């Protein structure tokens, strides 16, 4: 006999966590339906995306500072890239610390970034082409200076690709797969699962009508 699912807002606290984690219930519930589990998954996905965006961009800027140093560029440029890179890496560490705890039950992080990996990757590719076309007239004379200049341009362009992919494609990936990643974390973290199991049986939305699930 197939399992019977009730409306997510109907006596939500009467159902255990496994009920709300059902994939069948998730498929039967409209995408726009708000729930505690979906908000928690969204928040975790946003923090993951932010951590990788900051980490990838910060690493690329530090590599750019090293590239300028190798090429004998100005000390000011080296310092600016290095400081910005270290600042972004610090932001990545802070975002990773947020991932260690239980996500908030409200969708506190808003994002205007693409919600699907394909869209984020397409935007990153578009920006890479635009920047490449825009910069080519500037760097074209430098490319006649020999193999070192050509390699420097290729390296700089590759670092720019790392930045745009980190900022747009990776956060979109974590947004698109936020619920599945949160489901895996629940399965792999017994402490989090116990916390959510208790929360599922006691949840009451005092400021609205959100159900605890589905995910």
N, C-alpha and C. Protein backbone atom coordinates (compact mmCIF):
# COMPACT_ATOMS: atom_id res chain seq x y z
N UNK A 1 0.85 -1.20 0.00
CA UNK A 1 0.00 0.00 0.00
C UNK A 1 0.89 1.24 0.00
N UNK A 2 0.56 2.19 -0.85
CA UNK A 2 1.37 3.39 -0.93
C UNK A 2 1.16 4.27 0.29
N UNK A 3 2.19 5.03 0.66
CA UNK A 3 2.11 5.89 1.82
C UNK A 3 1.24 7.10 1.51
N UNK A 4 0.40 7.48 2.45
CA UNK A 4 -0.48 8.62 2.27
C UNK A 4 0.18 9.86 2.83
N UNK A 5 0.19 10.93 2.04
CA UNK A 5 0.79 12.18 2.47
C UNK A 5 -0.30 13.21 2.68
N UNK A 6 -0.12 13.99 3.72
CA UNK A 6 -1.08 15.04 4.04
C UNK A 6 -0.53 16.39 3.58
N UNK A 7 -1.37 17.37 3.60
CA UNK A 7 -0.93 18.72 3.28
C UNK A 7 0.18 19.13 4.23
N UNK A 8 1.29 19.74 3.73
CA UNK A 8 2.41 20.10 4.60
C UNK A 8 2.03 20.95 5.79
N UNK A 9 0.98 21.73 5.70
CA UNK A 9 0.60 22.59 6.80
C UNK A 9 -0.37 21.94 7.79
N UNK A 10 -0.71 20.67 7.55
CA UNK A 10 -1.73 20.03 8.38
C UNK A 10 -1.08 19.23 9.50
N UNK A 11 -1.22 19.70 10.74
CA UNK A 11 -0.70 19.00 11.91
C UNK A 11 0.74 18.54 11.70
N UNK A 12 1.59 19.47 11.28
CA UNK A 12 2.95 19.09 10.90
C UNK A 12 3.74 18.46 12.04
N UNK A 13 3.48 18.86 13.26
CA UNK A 13 4.30 18.37 14.37
C UNK A 13 3.98 16.92 14.72
N UNK A 14 2.94 16.34 14.12
CA UNK A 14 2.58 14.97 14.41
C UNK A 14 3.40 13.96 13.61
N UNK A 15 4.21 14.43 12.68
CA UNK A 15 4.91 13.52 11.79
C UNK A 15 6.40 13.49 12.12
N UNK A 16 7.02 12.32 12.11
CA UNK A 16 8.45 12.20 12.40
C UNK A 16 9.29 12.70 11.24
N UNK A 17 10.59 12.79 11.47
CA UNK A 17 11.51 13.33 10.47
C UNK A 17 11.49 12.52 9.19
N UNK A 18 11.47 11.19 9.31
CA UNK A 18 11.50 10.35 8.10
C UNK A 18 10.33 10.64 7.17
N UNK A 19 9.20 11.01 7.73
CA UNK A 19 8.05 11.37 6.90
C UNK A 19 8.38 12.58 6.05
N UNK A 20 8.97 13.60 6.67
CA UNK A 20 9.27 14.84 5.95
C UNK A 20 10.44 14.68 4.98
N UNK A 21 11.29 13.67 5.22
CA UNK A 21 12.43 13.44 4.33
C UNK A 21 12.06 12.58 3.13
N UNK A 22 10.83 12.13 3.04
CA UNK A 22 10.42 11.27 1.94
C UNK A 22 10.59 11.98 0.60
N UNK A 23 11.25 11.31 -0.33
CA UNK A 23 11.42 11.88 -1.67
C UNK A 23 10.08 11.95 -2.40
N UNK A 24 9.20 11.00 -2.14
CA UNK A 24 7.89 11.03 -2.77
C UNK A 24 7.10 12.26 -2.33
N UNK A 25 7.18 12.59 -1.05
CA UNK A 25 6.51 13.79 -0.55
C UNK A 25 7.12 15.05 -1.17
N UNK A 26 8.44 15.06 -1.31
CA UNK A 26 9.10 16.22 -1.90
C UNK A 26 8.65 16.42 -3.35
N UNK A 27 8.53 15.33 -4.09
CA UNK A 27 8.10 15.43 -5.49
C UNK A 27 6.64 15.85 -5.60
N UNK A 28 5.84 15.47 -4.60
CA UNK A 28 4.41 15.79 -4.63
C UNK A 28 4.11 17.21 -4.15
N UNK A 29 5.10 17.88 -3.59
CA UNK A 29 4.91 19.22 -3.04
C UNK A 29 5.44 20.25 -4.03
N UNK A 30 4.68 21.29 -4.35
CA UNK A 30 5.15 22.33 -5.29
C UNK A 30 6.48 22.92 -4.87
N UNK A 31 7.28 23.30 -5.86
CA UNK A 31 8.62 23.83 -5.61
C UNK A 31 8.59 25.07 -4.73
N UNK A 32 7.58 25.89 -4.89
CA UNK A 32 7.53 27.15 -4.15
C UNK A 32 7.05 27.02 -2.72
N UNK A 33 6.69 25.83 -2.29
CA UNK A 33 6.19 25.63 -0.93
C UNK A 33 7.31 25.82 0.09
N UNK A 34 7.08 26.70 1.05
CA UNK A 34 8.07 26.96 2.08
C UNK A 34 7.96 25.94 3.21
N UNK A 35 9.08 25.54 3.75
CA UNK A 35 9.11 24.66 4.92
C UNK A 35 10.40 24.91 5.67
N UNK A 36 10.45 24.46 6.91
CA UNK A 36 11.65 24.64 7.71
C UNK A 36 12.84 23.92 7.08
N UNK A 37 12.64 22.68 6.67
CA UNK A 37 13.73 21.91 6.09
C UNK A 37 14.24 22.54 4.80
N UNK A 38 13.35 23.04 3.98
CA UNK A 38 13.78 23.67 2.73
C UNK A 38 14.53 24.96 2.99
N UNK A 39 14.09 25.72 3.97
CA UNK A 39 14.83 26.94 4.32
C UNK A 39 16.21 26.62 4.87
N UNK A 40 16.30 25.58 5.69
CA UNK A 40 17.60 25.18 6.23
C UNK A 40 18.53 24.71 5.11
N UNK A 41 17.99 23.96 4.17
CA UNK A 41 18.79 23.50 3.04
C UNK A 41 19.27 24.69 2.21
N UNK A 42 18.38 25.65 1.99
CA UNK A 42 18.74 26.84 1.21
C UNK A 42 19.87 27.61 1.89
N UNK A 43 19.75 27.82 3.20
CA UNK A 43 20.78 28.56 3.92
C UNK A 43 22.12 27.84 3.87
N UNK A 44 22.09 26.51 4.03
CA UNK A 44 23.35 25.76 3.96
C UNK A 44 23.96 25.88 2.56
N UNK A 45 23.13 25.78 1.53
CA UNK A 45 23.64 25.90 0.17
C UNK A 45 24.24 27.26 -0.11
N UNK A 46 23.63 28.31 0.43
CA UNK A 46 24.16 29.65 0.22
C UNK A 46 25.51 29.84 0.91
N UNK A 47 25.64 29.30 2.12
CA UNK A 47 26.92 29.42 2.82
C UNK A 47 28.00 28.61 2.11
N UNK A 48 27.64 27.44 1.58
CA UNK A 48 28.62 26.65 0.84
C UNK A 48 29.06 27.39 -0.41
N UNK A 49 28.10 27.95 -1.13
CA UNK A 49 28.44 28.69 -2.32
C UNK A 49 29.31 29.90 -2.02
N UNK A 50 28.99 30.60 -0.92
CA UNK A 50 29.78 31.76 -0.54
C UNK A 50 31.20 31.35 -0.16
N UNK A 51 31.33 30.24 0.56
CA UNK A 51 32.66 29.77 0.96
C UNK A 51 33.52 29.46 -0.24
N UNK A 52 32.97 28.75 -1.21
CA UNK A 52 33.75 28.38 -2.40
C UNK A 52 34.02 29.62 -3.27
N UNK A 53 33.04 30.51 -3.37
CA UNK A 53 33.24 31.73 -4.16
C UNK A 53 34.37 32.56 -3.59
N UNK A 54 34.37 32.75 -2.27
CA UNK A 54 35.44 33.52 -1.63
C UNK A 54 36.78 32.79 -1.72
N UNK A 55 36.75 31.47 -1.48
CA UNK A 55 37.99 30.71 -1.52
C UNK A 55 38.61 30.67 -2.90
N UNK A 56 37.79 30.41 -3.92
CA UNK A 56 38.32 30.36 -5.28
C UNK A 56 38.83 31.71 -5.76
N UNK A 57 38.05 32.76 -5.49
CA UNK A 57 38.46 34.10 -5.90
C UNK A 57 39.71 34.55 -5.14
N UNK A 58 39.74 34.26 -3.83
CA UNK A 58 40.90 34.65 -3.04
C UNK A 58 42.17 33.96 -3.50
N UNK A 59 42.08 32.66 -3.79
CA UNK A 59 43.24 31.93 -4.28
C UNK A 59 43.71 32.47 -5.62
N UNK A 60 42.75 32.83 -6.49
CA UNK A 60 43.11 33.38 -7.80
C UNK A 60 43.81 34.73 -7.65
N UNK A 61 43.36 35.56 -6.72
CA UNK A 61 43.99 36.86 -6.53
C UNK A 61 45.39 36.72 -5.94
N UNK A 62 45.58 35.75 -5.04
CA UNK A 62 46.93 35.51 -4.53
C UNK A 62 47.85 35.02 -5.63
N UNK A 63 47.32 34.16 -6.50
CA UNK A 63 48.12 33.70 -7.64
C UNK A 63 48.44 34.85 -8.58
N UNK A 64 47.50 35.79 -8.73
CA UNK A 64 47.76 36.97 -9.56
C UNK A 64 48.86 37.82 -8.96
N UNK A 65 48.86 37.96 -7.63
CA UNK A 65 49.93 38.72 -6.97
C UNK A 65 51.28 38.05 -7.22
N UNK A 66 51.32 36.73 -7.17
CA UNK A 66 52.56 36.01 -7.43
C UNK A 66 52.99 36.18 -8.88
N UNK A 67 52.02 36.18 -9.80
CA UNK A 67 52.34 36.38 -11.21
C UNK A 67 52.94 37.76 -11.45
N UNK A 68 52.36 38.78 -10.81
CA UNK A 68 52.90 40.14 -10.95
C UNK A 68 54.32 40.21 -10.39
N UNK A 69 54.52 39.51 -9.27
CA UNK A 69 55.86 39.49 -8.68
C UNK A 69 56.87 38.85 -9.61
N UNK A 70 56.50 37.74 -10.24
CA UNK A 70 57.41 37.05 -11.16
C UNK A 70 57.73 37.93 -12.36
N UNK A 71 56.74 38.68 -12.82
CA UNK A 71 56.94 39.54 -13.99
C UNK A 71 57.61 40.86 -13.64
N UNK A 72 57.89 41.07 -12.36
CA UNK A 72 58.53 42.31 -11.96
C UNK A 72 57.62 43.50 -11.96
N UNK A 73 56.35 43.28 -11.67
CA UNK A 73 55.38 44.37 -11.66
C UNK A 73 55.52 45.25 -10.45
N UNK A 74 54.69 46.29 -10.38
CA UNK A 74 54.77 47.26 -9.27
C UNK A 74 54.39 46.63 -7.94
N UNK A 75 55.06 47.08 -6.88
CA UNK A 75 54.79 46.54 -5.55
C UNK A 75 53.37 46.85 -5.09
N UNK A 76 52.85 47.99 -5.53
CA UNK A 76 51.49 48.37 -5.14
C UNK A 76 50.48 47.36 -5.67
N UNK A 77 50.65 46.96 -6.90
CA UNK A 77 49.75 45.97 -7.49
C UNK A 77 49.83 44.64 -6.77
N UNK A 78 51.05 44.24 -6.43
CA UNK A 78 51.23 42.98 -5.70
C UNK A 78 50.52 43.05 -4.35
N UNK A 79 50.70 44.17 -3.65
CA UNK A 79 50.09 44.31 -2.33
C UNK A 79 48.57 44.32 -2.41
N UNK A 80 48.01 45.02 -3.40
CA UNK A 80 46.56 45.10 -3.53
C UNK A 80 45.95 43.72 -3.79
N UNK A 81 46.53 42.99 -4.72
CA UNK A 81 46.01 41.66 -5.02
C UNK A 81 46.18 40.71 -3.83
N UNK A 82 47.32 40.82 -3.16
CA UNK A 82 47.56 39.94 -2.02
C UNK A 82 46.60 40.22 -0.87
N UNK A 83 46.39 41.49 -0.57
CA UNK A 83 45.48 41.84 0.53
C UNK A 83 44.05 41.42 0.20
N UNK A 84 43.62 41.69 -1.04
CA UNK A 84 42.27 41.30 -1.43
C UNK A 84 42.11 39.77 -1.39
N UNK A 85 43.14 39.06 -1.83
CA UNK A 85 43.08 37.60 -1.81
C UNK A 85 42.99 37.05 -0.40
N UNK A 86 43.80 37.60 0.49
CA UNK A 86 43.77 37.14 1.88
C UNK A 86 42.44 37.48 2.54
N UNK A 87 41.89 38.65 2.21
CA UNK A 87 40.59 39.02 2.77
C UNK A 87 39.49 38.05 2.32
N UNK A 88 39.51 37.66 1.05
CA UNK A 88 38.51 36.72 0.55
C UNK A 88 38.69 35.33 1.17
N UNK A 89 39.93 34.91 1.36
CA UNK A 89 40.16 33.63 2.02
C UNK A 89 39.66 33.65 3.46
N UNK A 90 39.83 34.81 4.12
CA UNK A 90 39.27 34.96 5.46
C UNK A 90 37.75 34.85 5.45
N UNK A 91 37.13 35.43 4.43
CA UNK A 91 35.68 35.30 4.29
C UNK A 91 35.25 33.86 4.08
N UNK A 92 36.06 33.10 3.33
CA UNK A 92 35.76 31.68 3.11
C UNK A 92 35.81 30.90 4.42
N UNK A 93 36.79 31.23 5.26
CA UNK A 93 36.91 30.55 6.55
C UNK A 93 35.69 30.85 7.42
N UNK A 94 35.25 32.09 7.44
CA UNK A 94 34.07 32.45 8.23
C UNK A 94 32.82 31.74 7.72
N UNK A 95 32.70 31.65 6.38
CA UNK A 95 31.54 30.95 5.82
C UNK A 95 31.57 29.47 6.16
N UNK A 96 32.74 28.85 6.16
CA UNK A 96 32.86 27.44 6.52
C UNK A 96 32.47 27.21 7.98
N UNK A 97 32.79 28.17 8.83
CA UNK A 97 32.40 28.05 10.23
C UNK A 97 30.88 28.06 10.39
N UNK A 98 30.20 28.82 9.55
CA UNK A 98 28.74 28.85 9.59
C UNK A 98 28.14 27.49 9.24
N UNK A 99 28.86 26.71 8.43
CA UNK A 99 28.35 25.42 7.99
C UNK A 99 28.42 24.35 9.07
N UNK A 100 29.17 24.61 10.13
CA UNK A 100 29.33 23.60 11.17
C UNK A 100 28.11 23.49 12.07
N UNK A 101 27.36 24.55 12.19
CA UNK A 101 26.20 24.53 13.06
C UNK A 101 24.93 24.14 12.33
N UNK A 102 23.82 24.20 13.04
CA UNK A 102 22.51 23.91 12.45
C UNK A 102 22.05 25.14 11.67
N UNK A 103 21.66 24.99 10.42
CA UNK A 103 21.23 26.16 9.63
C UNK A 103 20.00 26.82 10.24
N UNK A 104 19.86 28.09 9.95
CA UNK A 104 18.69 28.84 10.43
C UNK A 104 17.42 28.30 9.78
N UNK A 105 16.30 28.46 10.48
CA UNK A 105 15.03 27.94 9.97
C UNK A 105 14.34 28.91 9.01
N UNK A 106 14.86 30.11 8.90
CA UNK A 106 14.34 31.07 7.94
C UNK A 106 15.39 31.31 6.86
N UNK A 107 14.91 31.55 5.65
CA UNK A 107 15.81 31.80 4.53
C UNK A 107 16.38 33.21 4.68
N UNK A 108 17.47 33.32 5.46
CA UNK A 108 18.00 34.63 5.81
C UNK A 108 18.93 35.20 4.75
N UNK A 109 19.42 34.34 3.85
CA UNK A 109 20.35 34.81 2.81
C UNK A 109 19.62 34.91 1.48
N UNK A 110 19.53 36.09 0.94
CA UNK A 110 18.92 36.30 -0.36
C UNK A 110 20.01 36.33 -1.44
N UNK A 111 19.68 35.82 -2.60
CA UNK A 111 20.67 35.76 -3.66
C UNK A 111 20.03 36.09 -5.00
N UNK A 112 20.72 36.89 -5.78
CA UNK A 112 20.29 37.20 -7.14
C UNK A 112 21.11 36.43 -8.16
N UNK A 113 21.94 35.54 -7.68
CA UNK A 113 22.77 34.73 -8.57
C UNK A 113 21.91 33.68 -9.26
N UNK A 114 22.39 33.12 -10.37
CA UNK A 114 21.62 32.06 -11.05
C UNK A 114 21.31 30.91 -10.10
N UNK A 115 20.13 30.32 -10.25
CA UNK A 115 19.72 29.25 -9.37
C UNK A 115 20.06 27.87 -9.89
N UNK A 116 20.56 27.78 -11.13
CA UNK A 116 20.94 26.49 -11.71
C UNK A 116 22.38 26.56 -12.20
N UNK A 117 23.06 25.41 -12.08
CA UNK A 117 24.47 25.35 -12.46
C UNK A 117 24.66 25.68 -13.93
N UNK A 118 23.78 25.21 -14.80
CA UNK A 118 23.92 25.49 -16.23
C UNK A 118 23.82 26.98 -16.50
N UNK A 119 22.91 27.67 -15.80
CA UNK A 119 22.79 29.11 -15.98
C UNK A 119 24.02 29.85 -15.46
N UNK A 120 24.52 29.41 -14.29
CA UNK A 120 25.72 30.04 -13.74
C UNK A 120 26.92 29.82 -14.62
N UNK A 121 27.05 28.62 -15.16
CA UNK A 121 28.17 28.33 -16.06
C UNK A 121 28.06 29.14 -17.35
N UNK A 122 26.83 29.28 -17.84
CA UNK A 122 26.62 30.08 -19.05
C UNK A 122 26.98 31.54 -18.82
N UNK A 123 26.60 32.07 -17.65
CA UNK A 123 26.94 33.46 -17.34
C UNK A 123 28.45 33.63 -17.20
N UNK A 124 29.11 32.66 -16.56
CA UNK A 124 30.56 32.73 -16.42
C UNK A 124 31.23 32.70 -17.79
N UNK A 125 30.74 31.85 -18.68
CA UNK A 125 31.32 31.76 -20.03
C UNK A 125 31.10 33.06 -20.79
N UNK A 126 29.91 33.65 -20.64
CA UNK A 126 29.61 34.91 -21.31
C UNK A 126 30.56 36.01 -20.85
N UNK A 127 30.75 36.12 -19.53
CA UNK A 127 31.65 37.15 -19.00
C UNK A 127 33.08 36.90 -19.43
N UNK A 128 33.48 35.63 -19.50
CA UNK A 128 34.84 35.32 -19.93
C UNK A 128 35.07 35.78 -21.37
N UNK A 129 34.07 35.56 -22.22
CA UNK A 129 34.20 35.99 -23.61
C UNK A 129 34.23 37.52 -23.71
N UNK A 130 33.34 38.16 -22.96
CA UNK A 130 33.28 39.64 -22.99
C UNK A 130 34.59 40.24 -22.51
N UNK A 131 35.12 39.73 -21.37
CA UNK A 131 36.38 40.26 -20.86
C UNK A 131 37.52 39.98 -21.82
N UNK A 132 37.50 38.77 -22.43
CA UNK A 132 38.56 38.42 -23.36
C UNK A 132 38.57 39.34 -24.57
N UNK A 133 37.38 39.60 -25.12
CA UNK A 133 37.30 40.49 -26.29
C UNK A 133 37.68 41.91 -25.90
N UNK A 134 37.24 42.35 -24.73
CA UNK A 134 37.54 43.72 -24.30
C UNK A 134 39.00 43.95 -24.00
N UNK A 135 39.67 42.94 -23.47
CA UNK A 135 41.07 43.10 -23.08
C UNK A 135 42.05 42.84 -24.23
N UNK A 136 41.59 42.13 -25.25
CA UNK A 136 42.53 41.75 -26.30
C UNK A 136 43.19 42.95 -26.98
N UNK A 137 42.44 44.01 -27.34
CA UNK A 137 43.12 45.15 -27.97
C UNK A 137 44.20 45.77 -27.07
N UNK A 138 44.01 45.67 -25.75
CA UNK A 138 44.98 46.25 -24.83
C UNK A 138 46.24 45.39 -24.74
N UNK A 139 46.03 44.08 -24.68
CA UNK A 139 47.18 43.19 -24.46
C UNK A 139 47.81 42.72 -25.76
N UNK A 140 47.15 42.93 -26.90
CA UNK A 140 47.71 42.46 -28.18
C UNK A 140 49.13 42.95 -28.42
N UNK A 141 49.43 44.24 -28.20
CA UNK A 141 50.82 44.67 -28.41
C UNK A 141 51.82 43.96 -27.49
N UNK A 142 51.37 43.60 -26.27
CA UNK A 142 52.27 42.94 -25.33
C UNK A 142 52.61 41.52 -25.77
N UNK A 143 51.70 40.90 -26.51
CA UNK A 143 51.92 39.52 -26.93
C UNK A 143 53.04 39.39 -27.93
N UNK A 144 53.48 40.51 -28.50
CA UNK A 144 54.58 40.48 -29.46
C UNK A 144 55.94 40.54 -28.77
N UNK A 145 55.91 40.60 -27.44
CA UNK A 145 57.16 40.71 -26.70
C UNK A 145 57.88 39.40 -26.45
N UNK A 146 57.26 38.29 -26.84
CA UNK A 146 57.93 37.01 -26.66
C UNK A 146 57.09 36.01 -25.90
N UNK A 147 57.62 34.78 -25.76
CA UNK A 147 56.85 33.70 -25.10
C UNK A 147 56.45 34.02 -23.66
N UNK A 148 57.30 34.74 -22.93
CA UNK A 148 56.99 35.05 -21.54
C UNK A 148 55.72 35.88 -21.43
N UNK A 149 55.57 36.86 -22.30
CA UNK A 149 54.38 37.70 -22.27
C UNK A 149 53.13 36.91 -22.65
N UNK A 150 53.31 36.01 -23.62
CA UNK A 150 52.17 35.18 -24.02
C UNK A 150 51.73 34.28 -22.87
N UNK A 151 52.70 33.65 -22.20
CA UNK A 151 52.39 32.79 -21.06
C UNK A 151 51.75 33.59 -19.93
N UNK A 152 52.24 34.81 -19.74
CA UNK A 152 51.68 35.66 -18.68
C UNK A 152 50.22 35.98 -18.98
N UNK A 153 49.93 36.28 -20.25
CA UNK A 153 48.54 36.58 -20.62
C UNK A 153 47.65 35.35 -20.43
N UNK A 154 48.13 34.19 -20.85
CA UNK A 154 47.35 32.96 -20.69
C UNK A 154 47.09 32.69 -19.21
N UNK A 155 48.12 32.88 -18.38
CA UNK A 155 47.96 32.65 -16.94
C UNK A 155 46.96 33.63 -16.34
N UNK A 156 47.07 34.89 -16.71
CA UNK A 156 46.15 35.90 -16.18
C UNK A 156 44.71 35.61 -16.61
N UNK A 157 44.55 35.21 -17.86
CA UNK A 157 43.19 34.90 -18.34
C UNK A 157 42.63 33.67 -17.63
N UNK A 158 43.49 32.68 -17.38
CA UNK A 158 43.05 31.49 -16.65
C UNK A 158 42.61 31.84 -15.23
N UNK A 159 43.32 32.75 -14.59
CA UNK A 159 42.94 33.18 -13.24
C UNK A 159 41.62 33.94 -13.27
N UNK A 160 41.42 34.71 -14.32
CA UNK A 160 40.14 35.41 -14.46
C UNK A 160 39.00 34.40 -14.63
N UNK A 161 39.25 33.31 -15.35
CA UNK A 161 38.23 32.26 -15.50
C UNK A 161 37.90 31.62 -14.16
N UNK A 162 38.93 31.41 -13.33
CA UNK A 162 38.71 30.85 -12.00
C UNK A 162 37.80 31.76 -11.19
N UNK A 163 38.01 33.06 -11.29
CA UNK A 163 37.22 34.02 -10.53
C UNK A 163 35.75 34.00 -10.96
N UNK A 164 35.50 34.07 -12.27
CA UNK A 164 34.11 34.14 -12.73
C UNK A 164 33.37 32.83 -12.47
N UNK A 165 34.07 31.70 -12.61
CA UNK A 165 33.43 30.42 -12.31
C UNK A 165 33.13 30.31 -10.82
N UNK A 166 34.07 30.77 -9.99
CA UNK A 166 33.87 30.72 -8.53
C UNK A 166 32.72 31.61 -8.10
N UNK A 167 32.56 32.73 -8.75
CA UNK A 167 31.54 33.70 -8.33
C UNK A 167 30.14 33.37 -8.85
N UNK A 168 30.05 32.71 -10.00
CA UNK A 168 28.74 32.51 -10.61
C UNK A 168 28.35 31.04 -10.76
N UNK A 169 29.23 30.22 -11.28
CA UNK A 169 28.86 28.83 -11.55
C UNK A 169 28.78 28.00 -10.27
N UNK A 170 29.78 28.13 -9.40
CA UNK A 170 29.81 27.28 -8.20
C UNK A 170 28.65 27.60 -7.24
N UNK A 171 28.38 28.86 -6.91
CA UNK A 171 27.21 29.13 -6.06
C UNK A 171 25.91 28.63 -6.66
N UNK A 172 25.78 28.73 -7.99
CA UNK A 172 24.57 28.23 -8.63
C UNK A 172 24.45 26.71 -8.47
N UNK A 173 25.57 26.01 -8.51
CA UNK A 173 25.56 24.56 -8.31
C UNK A 173 25.06 24.20 -6.92
N UNK A 174 25.55 24.91 -5.91
CA UNK A 174 25.13 24.62 -4.54
C UNK A 174 23.68 25.04 -4.29
N UNK A 175 23.21 26.06 -4.99
CA UNK A 175 21.80 26.43 -4.87
C UNK A 175 20.90 25.37 -5.49
N UNK A 176 21.29 24.89 -6.66
CA UNK A 176 20.47 23.91 -7.37
C UNK A 176 20.37 22.59 -6.59
N UNK A 177 21.45 22.21 -5.95
CA UNK A 177 21.49 20.91 -5.26
C UNK A 177 21.44 21.05 -3.74
N UNK A 178 20.94 22.18 -3.25
CA UNK A 178 20.94 22.45 -1.81
C UNK A 178 20.17 21.39 -1.03
N UNK A 179 19.01 21.00 -1.51
CA UNK A 179 18.18 20.05 -0.76
C UNK A 179 18.84 18.68 -0.70
N UNK A 180 19.40 18.24 -1.82
CA UNK A 180 20.04 16.93 -1.84
C UNK A 180 21.28 16.92 -0.94
N UNK A 181 22.05 18.00 -0.95
CA UNK A 181 23.23 18.08 -0.09
C UNK A 181 22.83 18.08 1.38
N UNK A 182 21.74 18.77 1.70
CA UNK A 182 21.28 18.79 3.09
C UNK A 182 20.78 17.41 3.50
N UNK A 183 20.12 16.72 2.60
CA UNK A 183 19.66 15.36 2.88
C UNK A 183 20.85 14.44 3.19
N UNK A 184 21.91 14.58 2.41
CA UNK A 184 23.11 13.77 2.64
C UNK A 184 23.75 14.10 3.98
N UNK A 185 23.74 15.39 4.33
CA UNK A 185 24.32 15.77 5.61
C UNK A 185 23.52 15.18 6.77
N UNK A 186 22.21 15.18 6.65
CA UNK A 186 21.37 14.59 7.70
C UNK A 186 21.68 13.11 7.85
N UNK A 187 21.86 12.42 6.74
CA UNK A 187 22.17 10.99 6.79
C UNK A 187 23.55 10.71 7.39
N UNK A 188 24.48 11.66 7.19
CA UNK A 188 25.86 11.43 7.63
C UNK A 188 26.16 11.99 9.02
N UNK A 189 25.26 12.80 9.57
CA UNK A 189 25.51 13.47 10.85
C UNK A 189 24.47 13.03 11.87
N UNK A 190 24.77 12.04 12.71
CA UNK A 190 23.79 11.55 13.69
C UNK A 190 23.31 12.63 14.66
N UNK A 191 24.20 13.54 15.05
CA UNK A 191 23.81 14.59 15.98
C UNK A 191 22.79 15.53 15.36
N UNK A 192 23.03 15.92 14.11
CA UNK A 192 22.07 16.78 13.42
C UNK A 192 20.74 16.06 13.22
N UNK A 193 20.81 14.79 12.90
CA UNK A 193 19.57 14.03 12.70
C UNK A 193 18.74 13.96 13.98
N UNK A 194 19.40 13.70 15.11
CA UNK A 194 18.67 13.66 16.38
C UNK A 194 18.03 15.00 16.68
N UNK A 195 18.76 16.08 16.41
CA UNK A 195 18.22 17.42 16.65
C UNK A 195 16.98 17.66 15.79
N UNK A 196 17.05 17.27 14.52
CA UNK A 196 15.92 17.48 13.62
C UNK A 196 14.76 16.56 13.94
N UNK A 197 15.05 15.35 14.40
CA UNK A 197 13.97 14.44 14.79
C UNK A 197 13.15 15.01 15.94
N UNK A 198 13.85 15.59 16.91
CA UNK A 198 13.14 16.22 18.03
C UNK A 198 12.39 17.46 17.57
N UNK A 199 13.03 18.22 16.69
CA UNK A 199 12.42 19.44 16.20
C UNK A 199 11.16 19.15 15.38
N UNK A 200 11.19 18.05 14.62
CA UNK A 200 10.04 17.70 13.79
C UNK A 200 8.80 17.44 14.63
N UNK A 201 8.96 16.92 15.82
CA UNK A 201 7.84 16.55 16.68
C UNK A 201 7.36 17.70 17.56
N UNK A 202 8.12 18.78 17.60
CA UNK A 202 7.76 19.90 18.48
C UNK A 202 7.58 21.21 17.73
N UNK A 203 7.80 21.21 16.39
CA UNK A 203 7.82 22.46 15.65
C UNK A 203 6.45 23.15 15.64
N UNK A 204 6.47 24.44 15.92
CA UNK A 204 5.31 25.31 15.79
C UNK A 204 5.78 26.64 15.23
N UNK A 205 5.15 27.09 14.18
CA UNK A 205 5.50 28.37 13.58
C UNK A 205 4.63 29.45 14.22
N UNK A 206 5.23 30.20 15.13
CA UNK A 206 4.48 31.23 15.86
C UNK A 206 4.24 32.48 15.04
N UNK A 207 4.91 32.60 13.91
CA UNK A 207 4.79 33.82 13.10
C UNK A 207 4.20 33.55 11.72
N UNK A 208 3.73 32.35 11.50
CA UNK A 208 3.18 32.03 10.19
C UNK A 208 2.60 30.63 10.18
N UNK A 209 2.58 30.03 9.01
CA UNK A 209 1.99 28.70 8.87
C UNK A 209 2.95 27.72 8.20
N UNK A 210 4.23 27.96 8.33
CA UNK A 210 5.19 27.04 7.71
C UNK A 210 5.15 25.69 8.40
N UNK A 211 5.12 24.63 7.62
CA UNK A 211 5.26 23.29 8.16
C UNK A 211 6.74 23.00 8.35
N UNK A 212 7.04 21.95 9.08
CA UNK A 212 8.43 21.57 9.29
C UNK A 212 9.06 21.06 8.00
N UNK A 213 8.30 20.33 7.24
CA UNK A 213 8.79 19.80 5.96
C UNK A 213 7.75 20.05 4.88
N UNK A 214 7.99 19.50 3.72
CA UNK A 214 8.99 18.50 3.33
C UNK A 214 10.30 19.13 2.93
N UNK A 215 11.28 18.25 2.69
CA UNK A 215 12.55 18.69 2.14
C UNK A 215 12.53 18.56 0.61
